[in-house]
Amino acid sequence: LVELYIMYGEVARLLAQRGVRVVRN
């Protein structure tokens, strides 16, 4: 799970930069 959280953090930042609003996860 620790690796999944690292990946989610990266995904969240990348999506924010691309204008995607993550409202649920």
mmCIF file of all heavy atoms, coordinates in Angstrom:
data_MODEL
# 
_entry.id   MODEL 
# 
loop_
_atom_site.group_PDB 
_atom_site.id 
_atom_site.type_symbol 
_atom_site.label_atom_id 
_atom_site.label_alt_id 
_atom_site.label_comp_id 
_atom_site.label_asym_id 
_atom_site.label_entity_id 
_atom_site.label_seq_id 
_atom_site.pdbx_PDB_ins_code 
_atom_site.Cartn_x 
_atom_site.Cartn_y 
_atom_site.Cartn_z 
_atom_site.occupancy 
_atom_site.B_iso_or_equiv 
_atom_site.pdbx_formal_charge 
_atom_site.auth_seq_id 
_atom_site.auth_comp_id 
_atom_site.auth_asym_id 
_atom_site.auth_atom_id 
_atom_site.pdbx_PDB_model_num 
ATOM 1   N N   . LEU A 1 1  ? 0.819   -1.207 0.000   1.00 0.00 ? 1  LEU A N   1 
ATOM 2   C CA  . LEU A 1 1  ? 0.000   0.000  0.000   1.00 0.00 ? 1  LEU A CA  1 
ATOM 3   C C   . LEU A 1 1  ? 0.855   1.260  0.000   1.00 0.00 ? 1  LEU A C   1 
ATOM 4   O O   . LEU A 1 1  ? 0.474   2.281  -0.589  1.00 0.00 ? 1  LEU A O   1 
ATOM 5   C CB  . LEU A 1 1  ? -0.948  -0.005 1.207   1.00 0.00 ? 1  LEU A CB  1 
ATOM 6   C CG  . LEU A 1 1  ? -2.074  1.030  1.231   1.00 0.00 ? 1  LEU A CG  1 
ATOM 7   C CD1 . LEU A 1 1  ? -2.941  0.926  -0.018  1.00 0.00 ? 1  LEU A CD1 1 
ATOM 8   C CD2 . LEU A 1 1  ? -2.916  0.861  2.490   1.00 0.00 ? 1  LEU A CD2 1 
ATOM 9   N N   . VAL A 1 2  ? 2.003   1.197  0.641   1.00 0.00 ? 2  VAL A N   1 
ATOM 10  C CA  . VAL A 1 2  ? 2.873   2.372  0.663   1.00 0.00 ? 2  VAL A CA  1 
ATOM 11  C C   . VAL A 1 2  ? 3.277   2.762  -0.757  1.00 0.00 ? 2  VAL A C   1 
ATOM 12  O O   . VAL A 1 2  ? 3.361   3.961  -1.081  1.00 0.00 ? 2  VAL A O   1 
ATOM 13  C CB  . VAL A 1 2  ? 4.117   2.124  1.551   1.00 0.00 ? 2  VAL A CB  1 
ATOM 14  C CG1 . VAL A 1 2  ? 5.008   1.032  0.974   1.00 0.00 ? 2  VAL A CG1 1 
ATOM 15  C CG2 . VAL A 1 2  ? 4.917   3.409  1.749   1.00 0.00 ? 2  VAL A CG2 1 
ATOM 16  N N   . GLU A 1 3  ? 3.495   1.777  -1.627  1.00 0.00 ? 3  GLU A N   1 
ATOM 17  C CA  . GLU A 1 3  ? 3.846   2.082  -3.020  1.00 0.00 ? 3  GLU A CA  1 
ATOM 18  C C   . GLU A 1 3  ? 2.633   2.618  -3.788  1.00 0.00 ? 3  GLU A C   1 
ATOM 19  O O   . GLU A 1 3  ? 2.771   3.483  -4.652  1.00 0.00 ? 3  GLU A O   1 
ATOM 20  C CB  . GLU A 1 3  ? 4.413   0.832  -3.698  1.00 0.00 ? 3  GLU A CB  1 
ATOM 21  C CG  . GLU A 1 3  ? 5.736   0.377  -3.096  1.00 0.00 ? 3  GLU A CG  1 
ATOM 22  C CD  . GLU A 1 3  ? 6.268   -0.885 -3.752  1.00 0.00 ? 3  GLU A CD  1 
ATOM 23  O OE1 . GLU A 1 3  ? 5.909   -1.161 -4.925  1.00 0.00 ? 3  GLU A OE1 1 
ATOM 24  O OE2 . GLU A 1 3  ? 7.051   -1.614 -3.093  1.00 0.00 ? 3  GLU A OE2 1 
ATOM 25  N N   . LEU A 1 4  ? 1.455   2.099  -3.470  1.00 0.00 ? 4  LEU A N   1 
ATOM 26  C CA  . LEU A 1 4  ? 0.250   2.597  -4.132  1.00 0.00 ? 4  LEU A CA  1 
ATOM 27  C C   . LEU A 1 4  ? -0.001  4.059  -3.777  1.00 0.00 ? 4  LEU A C   1 
ATOM 28  O O   . LEU A 1 4  ? -0.429  4.851  -4.626  1.00 0.00 ? 4  LEU A O   1 
ATOM 29  C CB  . LEU A 1 4  ? -0.959  1.745  -3.750  1.00 0.00 ? 4  LEU A CB  1 
ATOM 30  C CG  . LEU A 1 4  ? -0.951  0.287  -4.218  1.00 0.00 ? 4  LEU A CG  1 
ATOM 31  C CD1 . LEU A 1 4  ? -2.225  -0.422 -3.770  1.00 0.00 ? 4  LEU A CD1 1 
ATOM 32  C CD2 . LEU A 1 4  ? -0.797  0.196  -5.732  1.00 0.00 ? 4  LEU A CD2 1 
ATOM 33  N N   . TYR A 1 5  ? 0.273   4.422  -2.536  1.00 0.00 ? 5  TYR A N   1 
ATOM 34  C CA  . TYR A 1 5  ? 0.103   5.826  -2.142  1.00 0.00 ? 5  TYR A CA  1 
ATOM 35  C C   . TYR A 1 5  ? 1.116   6.724  -2.858  1.00 0.00 ? 5  TYR A C   1 
ATOM 36  O O   . TYR A 1 5  ? 0.797   7.852  -3.245  1.00 0.00 ? 5  TYR A O   1 
ATOM 37  C CB  . TYR A 1 5  ? 0.224   5.983  -0.630  1.00 0.00 ? 5  TYR A CB  1 
ATOM 38  C CG  . TYR A 1 5  ? -1.023  5.578  0.117   1.00 0.00 ? 5  TYR A CG  1 
ATOM 39  C CD1 . TYR A 1 5  ? -0.961  4.705  1.200   1.00 0.00 ? 5  TYR A CD1 1 
ATOM 40  C CD2 . TYR A 1 5  ? -2.273  6.072  -0.245  1.00 0.00 ? 5  TYR A CD2 1 
ATOM 41  C CE1 . TYR A 1 5  ? -2.105  4.330  1.891   1.00 0.00 ? 5  TYR A CE1 1 
ATOM 42  C CE2 . TYR A 1 5  ? -3.415  5.697  0.435   1.00 0.00 ? 5  TYR A CE2 1 
ATOM 43  C CZ  . TYR A 1 5  ? -3.333  4.831  1.513   1.00 0.00 ? 5  TYR A CZ  1 
ATOM 44  O OH  . TYR A 1 5  ? -4.473  4.465  2.196   1.00 0.00 ? 5  TYR A OH  1 
ATOM 45  N N   . ILE A 1 6  ? 2.328   6.232  -3.012  1.00 0.00 ? 6  ILE A N   1 
ATOM 46  C CA  . ILE A 1 6  ? 3.320   7.002  -3.773  1.00 0.00 ? 6  ILE A CA  1 
ATOM 47  C C   . ILE A 1 6  ? 2.821   7.216  -5.192  1.00 0.00 ? 6  ILE A C   1 
ATOM 48  O O   . ILE A 1 6  ? 2.863   8.334  -5.732  1.00 0.00 ? 6  ILE A O   1 
ATOM 49  C CB  . ILE A 1 6  ? 4.684   6.270  -3.784  1.00 0.00 ? 6  ILE A CB  1 
ATOM 50  C CG1 . ILE A 1 6  ? 5.298   6.283  -2.383  1.00 0.00 ? 6  ILE A CG1 1 
ATOM 51  C CG2 . ILE A 1 6  ? 5.639   6.924  -4.793  1.00 0.00 ? 6  ILE A CG2 1 
ATOM 52  C CD1 . ILE A 1 6  ? 6.548   5.410  -2.256  1.00 0.00 ? 6  ILE A CD1 1 
ATOM 53  N N   . MET A 1 7  ? 2.309   6.157  -5.805  1.00 0.00 ? 7  MET A N   1 
ATOM 54  C CA  . MET A 1 7  ? 1.795   6.267  -7.168  1.00 0.00 ? 7  MET A CA  1 
ATOM 55  C C   . MET A 1 7  ? 0.603   7.215  -7.238  1.00 0.00 ? 7  MET A C   1 
ATOM 56  O O   . MET A 1 7  ? 0.480   8.014  -8.177  1.00 0.00 ? 7  MET A O   1 
ATOM 57  C CB  . MET A 1 7  ? 1.402   4.884  -7.688  1.00 0.00 ? 7  MET A CB  1 
ATOM 58  C CG  . MET A 1 7  ? 2.575   4.017  -8.103  1.00 0.00 ? 7  MET A CG  1 
ATOM 59  S SD  . MET A 1 7  ? 3.460   4.697  -9.543  1.00 0.00 ? 7  MET A SD  1 
ATOM 60  C CE  . MET A 1 7  ? 2.180   4.606  -10.792 1.00 0.00 ? 7  MET A CE  1 
ATOM 61  N N   . TYR A 1 8  ? -0.288  7.126  -6.252  1.00 0.00 ? 8  TYR A N   1 
ATOM 62  C CA  . TYR A 1 8  ? -1.457  8.013  -6.284  1.00 0.00 ? 8  TYR A CA  1 
ATOM 63  C C   . TYR A 1 8  ? -1.038  9.473  -6.176  1.00 0.00 ? 8  TYR A C   1 
ATOM 64  O O   . TYR A 1 8  ? -1.602  10.350 -6.843  1.00 0.00 ? 8  TYR A O   1 
ATOM 65  C CB  . TYR A 1 8  ? -2.452  7.680  -5.173  1.00 0.00 ? 8  TYR A CB  1 
ATOM 66  C CG  . TYR A 1 8  ? -3.641  8.612  -5.222  1.00 0.00 ? 8  TYR A CG  1 
ATOM 67  C CD1 . TYR A 1 8  ? -4.642  8.445  -6.182  1.00 0.00 ? 8  TYR A CD1 1 
ATOM 68  C CD2 . TYR A 1 8  ? -3.741  9.695  -4.356  1.00 0.00 ? 8  TYR A CD2 1 
ATOM 69  C CE1 . TYR A 1 8  ? -5.705  9.325  -6.273  1.00 0.00 ? 8  TYR A CE1 1 
ATOM 70  C CE2 . TYR A 1 8  ? -4.808  10.584 -4.445  1.00 0.00 ? 8  TYR A CE2 1 
ATOM 71  C CZ  . TYR A 1 8  ? -5.781  10.390 -5.401  1.00 0.00 ? 8  TYR A CZ  1 
ATOM 72  O OH  . TYR A 1 8  ? -6.826  11.270 -5.498  1.00 0.00 ? 8  TYR A OH  1 
ATOM 73  N N   . GLY A 1 9  ? -0.048  9.733  -5.340  1.00 0.00 ? 9  GLY A N   1 
ATOM 74  C CA  . GLY A 1 9  ? 0.436   11.107 -5.223  1.00 0.00 ? 9  GLY A CA  1 
ATOM 75  C C   . GLY A 1 9  ? 0.954   11.635 -6.546  1.00 0.00 ? 9  GLY A C   1 
ATOM 76  O O   . GLY A 1 9  ? 0.691   12.788 -6.924  1.00 0.00 ? 9  GLY A O   1 
ATOM 77  N N   . GLU A 1 10 ? 1.670   10.790 -7.267  1.00 0.00 ? 10 GLU A N   1 
ATOM 78  C CA  . GLU A 1 10 ? 2.176   11.195 -8.587  1.00 0.00 ? 10 GLU A CA  1 
ATOM 79  C C   . GLU A 1 10 ? 1.024   11.405 -9.571  1.00 0.00 ? 10 GLU A C   1 
ATOM 80  O O   . GLU A 1 10 ? 0.992   12.394 -10.318 1.00 0.00 ? 10 GLU A O   1 
ATOM 81  C CB  . GLU A 1 10 ? 3.137   10.137 -9.131  1.00 0.00 ? 10 GLU A CB  1 
ATOM 82  C CG  . GLU A 1 10 ? 4.404   9.946  -8.306  1.00 0.00 ? 10 GLU A CG  1 
ATOM 83  C CD  . GLU A 1 10 ? 5.312   11.174 -8.327  1.00 0.00 ? 10 GLU A CD  1 
ATOM 84  O OE1 . GLU A 1 10 ? 5.152   12.020 -9.229  1.00 0.00 ? 10 GLU A OE1 1 
ATOM 85  O OE2 . GLU A 1 10 ? 6.183   11.278 -7.446  1.00 0.00 ? 10 GLU A OE2 1 
ATOM 86  N N   . VAL A 1 11 ? 0.064   10.482 -9.570  1.00 0.00 ? 11 VAL A N   1 
ATOM 87  C CA  . VAL A 1 11 ? -1.083  10.594 -10.473 1.00 0.00 ? 11 VAL A CA  1 
ATOM 88  C C   . VAL A 1 11 ? -1.880  11.858 -10.182 1.00 0.00 ? 11 VAL A C   1 
ATOM 89  O O   . VAL A 1 11 ? -2.283  12.582 -11.106 1.00 0.00 ? 11 VAL A O   1 
ATOM 90  C CB  . VAL A 1 11 ? -1.977  9.342  -10.345 1.00 0.00 ? 11 VAL A CB  1 
ATOM 91  C CG1 . VAL A 1 11 ? -3.338  9.586  -10.995 1.00 0.00 ? 11 VAL A CG1 1 
ATOM 92  C CG2 . VAL A 1 11 ? -1.294  8.129  -10.974 1.00 0.00 ? 11 VAL A CG2 1 
ATOM 93  N N   . ALA A 1 12 ? -2.118  12.135 -8.915  1.00 0.00 ? 12 ALA A N   1 
ATOM 94  C CA  . ALA A 1 12 ? -2.907  13.318 -8.544  1.00 0.00 ? 12 ALA A CA  1 
ATOM 95  C C   . ALA A 1 12 ? -2.247  14.602 -9.031  1.00 0.00 ? 12 ALA A C   1 
ATOM 96  O O   . ALA A 1 12 ? -2.918  15.504 -9.556  1.00 0.00 ? 12 ALA A O   1 
ATOM 97  C CB  . ALA A 1 12 ? -3.100  13.352 -7.026  1.00 0.00 ? 12 ALA A CB  1 
ATOM 98  N N   . ARG A 1 13 ? -0.922  14.681 -8.876  1.00 0.00 ? 13 ARG A N   1 
ATOM 99  C CA  . ARG A 1 13 ? -0.212  15.887 -9.330  1.00 0.00 ? 13 ARG A CA  1 
ATOM 100 C C   . ARG A 1 13 ? -0.279  16.020 -10.860 1.00 0.00 ? 13 ARG A C   1 
ATOM 101 O O   . ARG A 1 13 ? -0.509  17.108 -11.396 1.00 0.00 ? 13 ARG A O   1 
ATOM 102 C CB  . ARG A 1 13 ? 1.236   15.851 -8.856  1.00 0.00 ? 13 ARG A CB  1 
ATOM 103 C CG  . ARG A 1 13 ? 1.408   16.273 -7.397  1.00 0.00 ? 13 ARG A CG  1 
ATOM 104 C CD  . ARG A 1 13 ? 2.875   16.373 -7.016  1.00 0.00 ? 13 ARG A CD  1 
ATOM 105 N NE  . ARG A 1 13 ? 3.472   15.057 -6.823  1.00 0.00 ? 13 ARG A NE  1 
ATOM 106 C CZ  . ARG A 1 13 ? 3.446   14.396 -5.666  1.00 0.00 ? 13 ARG A CZ  1 
ATOM 107 N NH1 . ARG A 1 13 ? 2.806   14.902 -4.626  1.00 0.00 ? 13 ARG A NH1 1 
ATOM 108 N NH2 . ARG A 1 13 ? 4.029   13.207 -5.558  1.00 0.00 ? 13 ARG A NH2 1 
ATOM 109 N N   . LEU A 1 14 ? -0.096  14.911 -11.536 1.00 0.00 ? 14 LEU A N   1 
ATOM 110 C CA  . LEU A 1 14 ? -0.123  14.948 -13.001 1.00 0.00 ? 14 LEU A CA  1 
ATOM 111 C C   . LEU A 1 14 ? -1.511  15.330 -13.525 1.00 0.00 ? 14 LEU A C   1 
ATOM 112 O O   . LEU A 1 14 ? -1.639  16.114 -14.477 1.00 0.00 ? 14 LEU A O   1 
ATOM 113 C CB  . LEU A 1 14 ? 0.281   13.588 -13.562 1.00 0.00 ? 14 LEU A CB  1 
ATOM 114 C CG  . LEU A 1 14 ? 1.765   13.216 -13.394 1.00 0.00 ? 14 LEU A CG  1 
ATOM 115 C CD1 . LEU A 1 14 ? 1.971   11.738 -13.661 1.00 0.00 ? 14 LEU A CD1 1 
ATOM 116 C CD2 . LEU A 1 14 ? 2.633   14.058 -14.330 1.00 0.00 ? 14 LEU A CD2 1 
ATOM 117 N N   . LEU A 1 15 ? -2.547  14.809 -12.911 1.00 0.00 ? 15 LEU A N   1 
ATOM 118 C CA  . LEU A 1 15 ? -3.904  15.139 -13.351 1.00 0.00 ? 15 LEU A CA  1 
ATOM 119 C C   . LEU A 1 15 ? -4.228  16.601 -13.079 1.00 0.00 ? 15 LEU A C   1 
ATOM 120 O O   . LEU A 1 15 ? -4.884  17.267 -13.891 1.00 0.00 ? 15 LEU A O   1 
ATOM 121 C CB  . LEU A 1 15 ? -4.921  14.222 -12.663 1.00 0.00 ? 15 LEU A CB  1 
ATOM 122 C CG  . LEU A 1 15 ? -4.891  12.752 -13.100 1.00 0.00 ? 15 LEU A CG  1 
ATOM 123 C CD1 . LEU A 1 15 ? -5.885  11.937 -12.284 1.00 0.00 ? 15 LEU A CD1 1 
ATOM 124 C CD2 . LEU A 1 15 ? -5.197  12.618 -14.588 1.00 0.00 ? 15 LEU A CD2 1 
ATOM 125 N N   . ALA A 1 16 ? -3.769  17.101 -11.946 1.00 0.00 ? 16 ALA A N   1 
ATOM 126 C CA  . ALA A 1 16 ? -3.991  18.518 -11.636 1.00 0.00 ? 16 ALA A CA  1 
ATOM 127 C C   . ALA A 1 16 ? -3.342  19.413 -12.689 1.00 0.00 ? 16 ALA A C   1 
ATOM 128 O O   . ALA A 1 16 ? -3.925  20.414 -13.124 1.00 0.00 ? 16 ALA A O   1 
ATOM 129 C CB  . ALA A 1 16 ? -3.452  18.845 -10.249 1.00 0.00 ? 16 ALA A CB  1 
ATOM 130 N N   . GLN A 1 17 ? -2.135  19.040 -13.079 1.00 0.00 ? 17 GLN A N   1 
ATOM 131 C CA  . GLN A 1 17 ? -1.428  19.822 -14.100 1.00 0.00 ? 17 GLN A CA  1 
ATOM 132 C C   . GLN A 1 17 ? -2.153  19.790 -15.447 1.00 0.00 ? 17 GLN A C   1 
ATOM 133 O O   . GLN A 1 17 ? -2.057  20.729 -16.229 1.00 0.00 ? 17 GLN A O   1 
ATOM 134 C CB  . GLN A 1 17 ? -0.007  19.279 -14.270 1.00 0.00 ? 17 GLN A CB  1 
ATOM 135 C CG  . GLN A 1 17 ? 0.883   19.493 -13.063 1.00 0.00 ? 17 GLN A CG  1 
ATOM 136 C CD  . GLN A 1 17 ? 2.185   18.700 -13.144 1.00 0.00 ? 17 GLN A CD  1 
ATOM 137 O OE1 . GLN A 1 17 ? 2.481   18.087 -14.180 1.00 0.00 ? 17 GLN A OE1 1 
ATOM 138 N NE2 . GLN A 1 17 ? 2.943   18.684 -12.060 1.00 0.00 ? 17 GLN A NE2 1 
ATOM 139 N N   . ARG A 1 18 ? -2.905  18.713 -15.685 1.00 0.00 ? 18 ARG A N   1 
ATOM 140 C CA  . ARG A 1 18 ? -3.620  18.565 -16.963 1.00 0.00 ? 18 ARG A CA  1 
ATOM 141 C C   . ARG A 1 18 ? -5.052  19.075 -16.881 1.00 0.00 ? 18 ARG A C   1 
ATOM 142 O O   . ARG A 1 18 ? -5.834  18.904 -17.825 1.00 0.00 ? 18 ARG A O   1 
ATOM 143 C CB  . ARG A 1 18 ? -3.611  17.097 -17.379 1.00 0.00 ? 18 ARG A CB  1 
ATOM 144 C CG  . ARG A 1 18 ? -2.201  16.498 -17.527 1.00 0.00 ? 18 ARG A CG  1 
ATOM 145 C CD  . ARG A 1 18 ? -1.508  16.955 -18.792 1.00 0.00 ? 18 ARG A CD  1 
ATOM 146 N NE  . ARG A 1 18 ? -2.105  16.349 -19.952 1.00 0.00 ? 18 ARG A NE  1 
ATOM 147 C CZ  . ARG A 1 18 ? -1.727  15.177 -20.469 1.00 0.00 ? 18 ARG A CZ  1 
ATOM 148 N NH1 . ARG A 1 18 ? -0.733  14.495 -19.910 1.00 0.00 ? 18 ARG A NH1 1 
ATOM 149 N NH2 . ARG A 1 18 ? -2.313  14.699 -21.549 1.00 0.00 ? 18 ARG A NH2 1 
ATOM 150 N N   . GLY A 1 19 ? -5.425  19.685 -15.757 1.00 0.00 ? 19 GLY A N   1 
ATOM 151 C CA  . GLY A 1 19 ? -6.756  20.274 -15.620 1.00 0.00 ? 19 GLY A CA  1 
ATOM 152 C C   . GLY A 1 19 ? -7.859  19.297 -15.287 1.00 0.00 ? 19 GLY A C   1 
ATOM 153 O O   . GLY A 1 19 ? -9.041  19.579 -15.505 1.00 0.00 ? 19 GLY A O   1 
ATOM 154 N N   . VAL A 1 20 ? -7.506  18.124 -14.727 1.00 0.00 ? 20 VAL A N   1 
ATOM 155 C CA  . VAL A 1 20 ? -8.510  17.142 -14.312 1.00 0.00 ? 20 VAL A CA  1 
ATOM 156 C C   . VAL A 1 20 ? -8.750  17.288 -12.816 1.00 0.00 ? 20 VAL A C   1 
ATOM 157 O O   . VAL A 1 20 ? -7.809  17.223 -12.015 1.00 0.00 ? 20 VAL A O   1 
ATOM 158 C CB  . VAL A 1 20 ? -8.050  15.704 -14.637 1.00 0.00 ? 20 VAL A CB  1 
ATOM 159 C CG1 . VAL A 1 20 ? -9.135  14.704 -14.239 1.00 0.00 ? 20 VAL A CG1 1 
ATOM 160 C CG2 . VAL A 1 20 ? -7.725  15.576 -16.123 1.00 0.00 ? 20 VAL A CG2 1 
ATOM 161 N N   . ARG A 1 21 ? -10.000 17.491 -12.418 1.00 0.00 ? 21 ARG A N   1 
ATOM 162 C CA  . ARG A 1 21 ? -10.346 17.707 -11.011 1.00 0.00 ? 21 ARG A CA  1 
ATOM 163 C C   . ARG A 1 21 ? -10.746 16.378 -10.371 1.00 0.00 ? 21 ARG A C   1 
ATOM 164 O O   . ARG A 1 21 ? -11.833 15.847 -10.636 1.00 0.00 ? 21 ARG A O   1 
ATOM 165 C CB  . ARG A 1 21 ? -11.489 18.711 -10.892 1.00 0.00 ? 21 ARG A CB  1 
ATOM 166 C CG  . ARG A 1 21 ? -11.171 20.095 -11.433 1.00 0.00 ? 21 ARG A CG  1 
ATOM 167 C CD  . ARG A 1 21 ? -12.315 21.068 -11.166 1.00 0.00 ? 21 ARG A CD  1 
ATOM 168 N NE  . ARG A 1 21 ? -13.526 20.672 -11.870 1.00 0.00 ? 21 ARG A NE  1 
ATOM 169 C CZ  . ARG A 1 21 ? -13.843 21.055 -13.106 1.00 0.00 ? 21 ARG A CZ  1 
ATOM 170 N NH1 . ARG A 1 21 ? -13.006 21.846 -13.790 1.00 0.00 ? 21 ARG A NH1 1 
ATOM 171 N NH2 . ARG A 1 21 ? -14.972 20.664 -13.677 1.00 0.00 ? 21 ARG A NH2 1 
ATOM 172 N N   . VAL A 1 22 ? -9.892  15.838 -9.521  1.00 0.00 ? 22 VAL A N   1 
ATOM 173 C CA  . VAL A 1 22 ? -10.197 14.576 -8.835  1.00 0.00 ? 22 VAL A CA  1 
ATOM 174 C C   . VAL A 1 22 ? -11.080 14.885 -7.628  1.00 0.00 ? 22 VAL A C   1 
ATOM 175 O O   . VAL A 1 22 ? -10.637 15.504 -6.670  1.00 0.00 ? 22 VAL A O   1 
ATOM 176 C CB  . VAL A 1 22 ? -8.914  13.859 -8.383  1.00 0.00 ? 22 VAL A CB  1 
ATOM 177 C CG1 . VAL A 1 22 ? -9.270  12.553 -7.671  1.00 0.00 ? 22 VAL A CG1 1 
ATOM 178 C CG2 . VAL A 1 22 ? -8.004  13.592 -9.572  1.00 0.00 ? 22 VAL A CG2 1 
ATOM 179 N N   . VAL A 1 23 ? -12.325 14.446 -7.666  1.00 0.00 ? 23 VAL A N   1 
ATOM 180 C CA  . VAL A 1 23 ? -13.261 14.751 -6.585  1.00 0.00 ? 23 VAL A CA  1 
ATOM 181 C C   . VAL A 1 23 ? -13.581 13.530 -5.718  1.00 0.00 ? 23 VAL A C   1 
ATOM 182 O O   . VAL A 1 23 ? -14.122 13.681 -4.620  1.00 0.00 ? 23 VAL A O   1 
ATOM 183 C CB  . VAL A 1 23 ? -14.562 15.360 -7.138  1.00 0.00 ? 23 VAL A CB  1 
ATOM 184 C CG1 . VAL A 1 23 ? -14.284 16.715 -7.772  1.00 0.00 ? 23 VAL A CG1 1 
ATOM 185 C CG2 . VAL A 1 23 ? -15.231 14.434 -8.150  1.00 0.00 ? 23 VAL A CG2 1 
ATOM 186 N N   . ARG A 1 24 ? -13.302 12.340 -6.202  1.00 0.00 ? 24 ARG A N   1 
ATOM 187 C CA  . ARG A 1 24 ? -13.452 11.121 -5.405  1.00 0.00 ? 24 ARG A CA  1 
ATOM 188 C C   . ARG A 1 24 ? -12.318 10.178 -5.800  1.00 0.00 ? 24 ARG A C   1 
ATOM 189 O O   . ARG A 1 24 ? -11.822 10.224 -6.928  1.00 0.00 ? 24 ARG A O   1 
ATOM 190 C CB  . ARG A 1 24 ? -14.787 10.411 -5.670  1.00 0.00 ? 24 ARG A CB  1 
ATOM 191 C CG  . ARG A 1 24 ? -16.034 11.257 -5.445  1.00 0.00 ? 24 ARG A CG  1 
ATOM 192 C CD  . ARG A 1 24 ? -16.276 11.569 -3.981  1.00 0.00 ? 24 ARG A CD  1 
ATOM 193 N NE  . ARG A 1 24 ? -17.579 12.191 -3.835  1.00 0.00 ? 24 ARG A NE  1 
ATOM 194 C CZ  . ARG A 1 24 ? -17.819 13.499 -4.011  1.00 0.00 ? 24 ARG A CZ  1 
ATOM 195 N NH1 . ARG A 1 24 ? -16.824 14.312 -4.356  1.00 0.00 ? 24 ARG A NH1 1 
ATOM 196 N NH2 . ARG A 1 24 ? -19.035 13.985 -3.848  1.00 0.00 ? 24 ARG A NH2 1 
ATOM 197 N N   . ASN A 1 25 ? -11.908 9.300  -4.886  1.00 0.00 ? 25 ASN A N   1 
ATOM 198 C CA  . ASN A 1 25 ? -10.829 8.368  -5.234  1.00 0.00 ? 25 ASN A CA  1 
ATOM 199 C C   . ASN A 1 25 ? -10.899 7.090  -4.431  1.00 0.00 ? 25 ASN A C   1 
ATOM 200 O O   . ASN A 1 25 ? -11.520 7.039  -3.358  1.00 0.00 ? 25 ASN A O   1 
ATOM 201 C CB  . ASN A 1 25 ? -9.463  9.035  -5.027  1.00 0.00 ? 25 ASN A CB  1 
ATOM 202 C CG  . ASN A 1 25 ? -9.161  9.271  -3.563  1.00 0.00 ? 25 ASN A CG  1 
ATOM 203 O OD1 . ASN A 1 25 ? -8.834  8.344  -2.831  1.00 0.00 ? 25 ASN A OD1 1 
ATOM 204 N ND2 . ASN A 1 25 ? -9.290  10.512 -3.113  1.00 0.00 ? 25 ASN A ND2 1 
# 
